[in-house]
Amino acid sequence: LKMTHLQEKQVILAENAGMRALLGEDASEGVQELRETEDGVNRALLLAAVEEITNLRTRVSVLEGEAAKHKVSASGYGLAGMFSG
């Protein structure tokens, strides 16, 4: 069983080496271009995500401020200045 596995592995390695030889340098350049494109897409997605996170944090801050104002108004403290004058 081990010998069969070893032989199968050697066949696969030989086939891979043959494919690499057939594809040659053109394939390497193509693969490199694909990787560069993928890296560019990943960078663009990362920048978009960072911008969205920034926008969401800003929105959360605004909503927290509005909620705090509403809480003060609802508790009656916001009315104290209206009756003293």
N, C-alpha and C. Protein backbone atom coordinates (compact mmCIF):
# COMPACT_ATOMS: atom_id res chain seq x y z
N LEU A 1 0.84 -1.20 0.00
CA LEU A 1 0.00 0.00 0.00
C LEU A 1 0.88 1.26 0.00
N LYS A 2 1.93 1.24 0.82
CA LYS A 2 2.83 2.39 0.86
C LYS A 2 3.53 2.58 -0.48
N MET A 3 3.93 1.47 -1.11
CA MET A 3 4.62 1.55 -2.40
C MET A 3 3.67 2.10 -3.47
N THR A 4 2.43 1.67 -3.43
CA THR A 4 1.44 2.17 -4.39
C THR A 4 1.26 3.67 -4.23
N HIS A 5 1.16 4.10 -2.98
CA HIS A 5 1.00 5.53 -2.69
C HIS A 5 2.22 6.31 -3.18
N LEU A 6 3.40 5.79 -2.93
CA LEU A 6 4.63 6.44 -3.36
C LEU A 6 4.68 6.53 -4.89
N GLN A 7 4.30 5.46 -5.57
CA GLN A 7 4.29 5.48 -7.03
C GLN A 7 3.30 6.51 -7.57
N GLU A 8 2.11 6.57 -6.96
CA GLU A 8 1.10 7.54 -7.39
C GLU A 8 1.61 8.97 -7.19
N LYS A 9 2.27 9.18 -6.08
CA LYS A 9 2.82 10.50 -5.79
C LYS A 9 3.87 10.88 -6.82
N GLN A 10 4.73 9.94 -7.18
CA GLN A 10 5.77 10.20 -8.16
C GLN A 10 5.16 10.51 -9.53
N VAL A 11 4.10 9.80 -9.88
CA VAL A 11 3.42 10.06 -11.15
C VAL A 11 2.84 11.47 -11.16
N ILE A 12 2.21 11.85 -10.09
CA ILE A 12 1.61 13.19 -9.99
C ILE A 12 2.69 14.26 -10.07
N LEU A 13 3.79 14.06 -9.35
CA LEU A 13 4.89 15.02 -9.40
C LEU A 13 5.47 15.13 -10.82
N ALA A 14 5.58 14.02 -11.50
CA ALA A 14 6.11 14.02 -12.86
C ALA A 14 5.14 14.74 -13.80
N GLU A 15 3.84 14.51 -13.63
CA GLU A 15 2.84 15.19 -14.45
C GLU A 15 2.87 16.69 -14.20
N ASN A 16 3.00 17.08 -12.94
CA ASN A 16 3.09 18.51 -12.61
C ASN A 16 4.31 19.15 -13.25
N ALA A 17 5.45 18.46 -13.18
CA ALA A 17 6.67 18.98 -13.78
C ALA A 17 6.50 19.11 -15.29
N GLY A 18 5.85 18.14 -15.91
CA GLY A 18 5.59 18.19 -17.35
C GLY A 18 4.69 19.36 -17.71
N MET A 19 3.66 19.61 -16.92
CA MET A 19 2.75 20.73 -17.17
C MET A 19 3.50 22.05 -17.04
N ARG A 20 4.33 22.16 -16.02
CA ARG A 20 5.11 23.39 -15.84
C ARG A 20 6.02 23.62 -17.04
N ALA A 21 6.64 22.54 -17.54
CA ALA A 21 7.53 22.66 -18.69
C ALA A 21 6.75 23.09 -19.94
N LEU A 22 5.54 22.55 -20.12
CA LEU A 22 4.72 22.92 -21.28
C LEU A 22 4.28 24.37 -21.20
N LEU A 23 3.92 24.82 -20.03
CA LEU A 23 3.42 26.18 -19.87
C LEU A 23 4.55 27.20 -19.94
N GLY A 24 5.70 26.86 -19.43
CA GLY A 24 6.88 27.71 -19.52
C GLY A 24 6.73 29.05 -18.84
N GLU A 25 7.49 30.02 -19.32
CA GLU A 25 7.55 31.35 -18.72
C GLU A 25 6.25 32.11 -18.88
N ASP A 26 5.53 31.89 -19.98
CA ASP A 26 4.28 32.62 -20.21
C ASP A 26 3.30 32.38 -19.07
N ALA A 27 3.26 31.16 -18.58
CA ALA A 27 2.34 30.85 -17.49
C ALA A 27 2.75 31.58 -16.22
N SER A 28 4.05 31.65 -15.97
CA SER A 28 4.52 32.33 -14.77
C SER A 28 4.15 33.80 -14.81
N GLU A 29 4.29 34.43 -15.99
CA GLU A 29 3.93 35.84 -16.13
C GLU A 29 2.42 36.02 -15.96
N GLY A 30 1.66 35.09 -16.52
CA GLY A 30 0.20 35.15 -16.39
C GLY A 30 -0.24 35.00 -14.95
N VAL A 31 0.38 34.08 -14.26
CA VAL A 31 0.06 33.87 -12.84
C VAL A 31 0.42 35.12 -12.04
N GLN A 32 1.56 35.71 -12.34
CA GLN A 32 1.99 36.93 -11.63
C GLN A 32 1.00 38.06 -11.87
N GLU A 33 0.54 38.20 -13.12
CA GLU A 33 -0.44 39.25 -13.44
C GLU A 33 -1.75 39.02 -12.67
N LEU A 34 -2.17 37.77 -12.60
CA LEU A 34 -3.39 37.45 -11.85
C LEU A 34 -3.23 37.79 -10.38
N ARG A 35 -2.08 37.46 -9.82
CA ARG A 35 -1.83 37.77 -8.42
C ARG A 35 -1.84 39.27 -8.17
N GLU A 36 -1.23 40.03 -9.09
CA GLU A 36 -1.19 41.48 -8.94
C GLU A 36 -2.60 42.07 -9.03
N THR A 37 -3.40 41.52 -9.95
CA THR A 37 -4.79 41.97 -10.08
C THR A 37 -5.56 41.66 -8.80
N GLU A 38 -5.38 40.46 -8.31
CA GLU A 38 -6.07 40.06 -7.08
C GLU A 38 -5.63 40.93 -5.91
N ASP A 39 -4.34 41.25 -5.82
CA ASP A 39 -3.85 42.13 -4.77
C ASP A 39 -4.49 43.50 -4.88
N GLY A 40 -4.61 44.00 -6.10
CA GLY A 40 -5.24 45.31 -6.31
C GLY A 40 -6.69 45.31 -5.88
N VAL A 41 -7.40 44.25 -6.23
CA VAL A 41 -8.81 44.13 -5.82
C VAL A 41 -8.90 44.05 -4.30
N ASN A 42 -8.04 43.28 -3.69
CA ASN A 42 -8.05 43.16 -2.23
C ASN A 42 -7.77 44.50 -1.56
N ARG A 43 -6.83 45.27 -2.11
CA ARG A 43 -6.53 46.60 -1.55
C ARG A 43 -7.73 47.52 -1.67
N ALA A 44 -8.40 47.50 -2.84
CA ALA A 44 -9.58 48.34 -3.05
C ALA A 44 -10.68 47.97 -2.07
N LEU A 45 -10.90 46.68 -1.87
CA LEU A 45 -11.92 46.23 -0.92
C LEU A 45 -11.57 46.64 0.50
N LEU A 46 -10.30 46.56 0.84
CA LEU A 46 -9.86 46.96 2.18
C LEU A 46 -10.08 48.45 2.40
N LEU A 47 -9.72 49.27 1.42
CA LEU A 47 -9.91 50.71 1.55
C LEU A 47 -11.40 51.05 1.67
N ALA A 48 -12.24 50.38 0.89
CA ALA A 48 -13.68 50.61 0.98
C ALA A 48 -14.21 50.21 2.35
N ALA A 49 -13.71 49.11 2.89
CA ALA A 49 -14.14 48.66 4.21
C ALA A 49 -13.72 49.65 5.29
N VAL A 50 -12.50 50.16 5.19
CA VAL A 50 -12.02 51.15 6.17
C VAL A 50 -12.88 52.40 6.12
N GLU A 51 -13.22 52.84 4.91
CA GLU A 51 -14.07 54.03 4.77
C GLU A 51 -15.45 53.78 5.35
N GLU A 52 -16.00 52.61 5.10
CA GLU A 52 -17.32 52.27 5.64
C GLU A 52 -17.29 52.21 7.17
N ILE A 53 -16.24 51.66 7.73
CA ILE A 53 -16.10 51.60 9.19
C ILE A 53 -16.04 53.01 9.76
N THR A 54 -15.28 53.89 9.11
CA THR A 54 -15.19 55.28 9.56
C THR A 54 -16.56 55.95 9.52
N ASN A 55 -17.29 55.74 8.42
CA ASN A 55 -18.63 56.32 8.30
C ASN A 55 -19.57 55.79 9.38
N LEU A 56 -19.50 54.50 9.64
CA LEU A 56 -20.36 53.91 10.67
C LEU A 56 -20.01 54.42 12.06
N ARG A 57 -18.73 54.58 12.35
CA ARG A 57 -18.32 55.11 13.66
C ARG A 57 -18.82 56.54 13.83
N THR A 58 -18.72 57.33 12.76
CA THR A 58 -19.22 58.71 12.82
C THR A 58 -20.72 58.71 13.08
N ARG A 59 -21.43 57.86 12.38
CA ARG A 59 -22.90 57.78 12.55
C ARG A 59 -23.25 57.35 13.97
N VAL A 60 -22.52 56.39 14.51
CA VAL A 60 -22.77 55.93 15.88
C VAL A 60 -22.56 57.09 16.85
N SER A 61 -21.51 57.87 16.66
CA SER A 61 -21.24 59.02 17.54
C SER A 61 -22.38 60.02 17.48
N VAL A 62 -22.86 60.31 16.27
CA VAL A 62 -23.97 61.25 16.11
C VAL A 62 -25.22 60.71 16.80
N LEU A 63 -25.52 59.45 16.59
CA LEU A 63 -26.71 58.85 17.21
C LEU A 63 -26.60 58.81 18.73
N GLU A 64 -25.40 58.53 19.24
CA GLU A 64 -25.21 58.54 20.69
C GLU A 64 -25.44 59.94 21.25
N GLY A 65 -24.96 60.97 20.55
CA GLY A 65 -25.18 62.35 20.98
C GLY A 65 -26.66 62.70 20.97
N GLU A 66 -27.36 62.31 19.93
CA GLU A 66 -28.80 62.58 19.85
C GLU A 66 -29.55 61.84 20.95
N ALA A 67 -29.15 60.61 21.22
CA ALA A 67 -29.80 59.83 22.27
C ALA A 67 -29.56 60.48 23.64
N ALA A 68 -28.36 60.99 23.87
CA ALA A 68 -28.07 61.65 25.15
C ALA A 68 -28.91 62.91 25.30
N LYS A 69 -29.05 63.70 24.23
CA LYS A 69 -29.88 64.90 24.28
C LYS A 69 -31.34 64.54 24.56
N HIS A 70 -31.80 63.50 23.89
CA HIS A 70 -33.20 63.07 24.09
C HIS A 70 -33.42 62.60 25.53
N LYS A 71 -32.45 61.91 26.07
CA LYS A 71 -32.56 61.41 27.44
C LYS A 71 -32.63 62.57 28.42
N VAL A 72 -31.81 63.59 28.22
CA VAL A 72 -31.81 64.76 29.09
C VAL A 72 -33.15 65.48 28.98
N SER A 73 -33.65 65.64 27.76
CA SER A 73 -34.93 66.31 27.56
C SER A 73 -36.06 65.53 28.19
N ALA A 74 -36.04 64.23 28.04
CA ALA A 74 -37.12 63.39 28.57
C ALA A 74 -37.11 63.34 30.09
N SER A 75 -35.96 63.54 30.69
CA SER A 75 -35.90 63.47 32.15
C SER A 75 -36.34 64.77 32.81
N GLY A 76 -36.52 65.83 32.01
CA GLY A 76 -36.98 67.08 32.56
C GLY A 76 -35.87 68.06 32.85
N TYR A 77 -34.64 67.65 32.83
CA TYR A 77 -33.53 68.56 33.12
C TYR A 77 -33.39 69.62 32.04
N GLY A 78 -33.80 69.32 30.85
CA GLY A 78 -33.69 70.25 29.76
C GLY A 78 -34.70 71.39 29.90
N LEU A 79 -35.70 71.24 30.75
CA LEU A 79 -36.74 72.25 30.93
C LEU A 79 -36.43 73.22 32.05
N ALA A 80 -35.44 72.96 32.86
CA ALA A 80 -35.15 73.78 34.05
C ALA A 80 -34.85 75.22 33.68
N GLY A 81 -34.16 75.45 32.60
CA GLY A 81 -33.84 76.81 32.21
C GLY A 81 -35.01 77.59 31.69
N MET A 82 -36.05 76.90 31.26
CA MET A 82 -37.21 77.57 30.66
C MET A 82 -38.08 78.25 31.72
N PHE A 83 -38.11 77.72 32.92
CA PHE A 83 -39.02 78.23 33.95
C PHE A 83 -38.33 79.21 34.91
N SER A 84 -37.03 79.39 34.80
CA SER A 84 -36.35 80.27 35.76
C SER A 84 -36.38 81.72 35.31
N GLY A 85 -36.82 82.01 34.12
CA GLY A 85 -36.73 83.37 33.63
C GLY A 85 -37.99 84.05 33.61
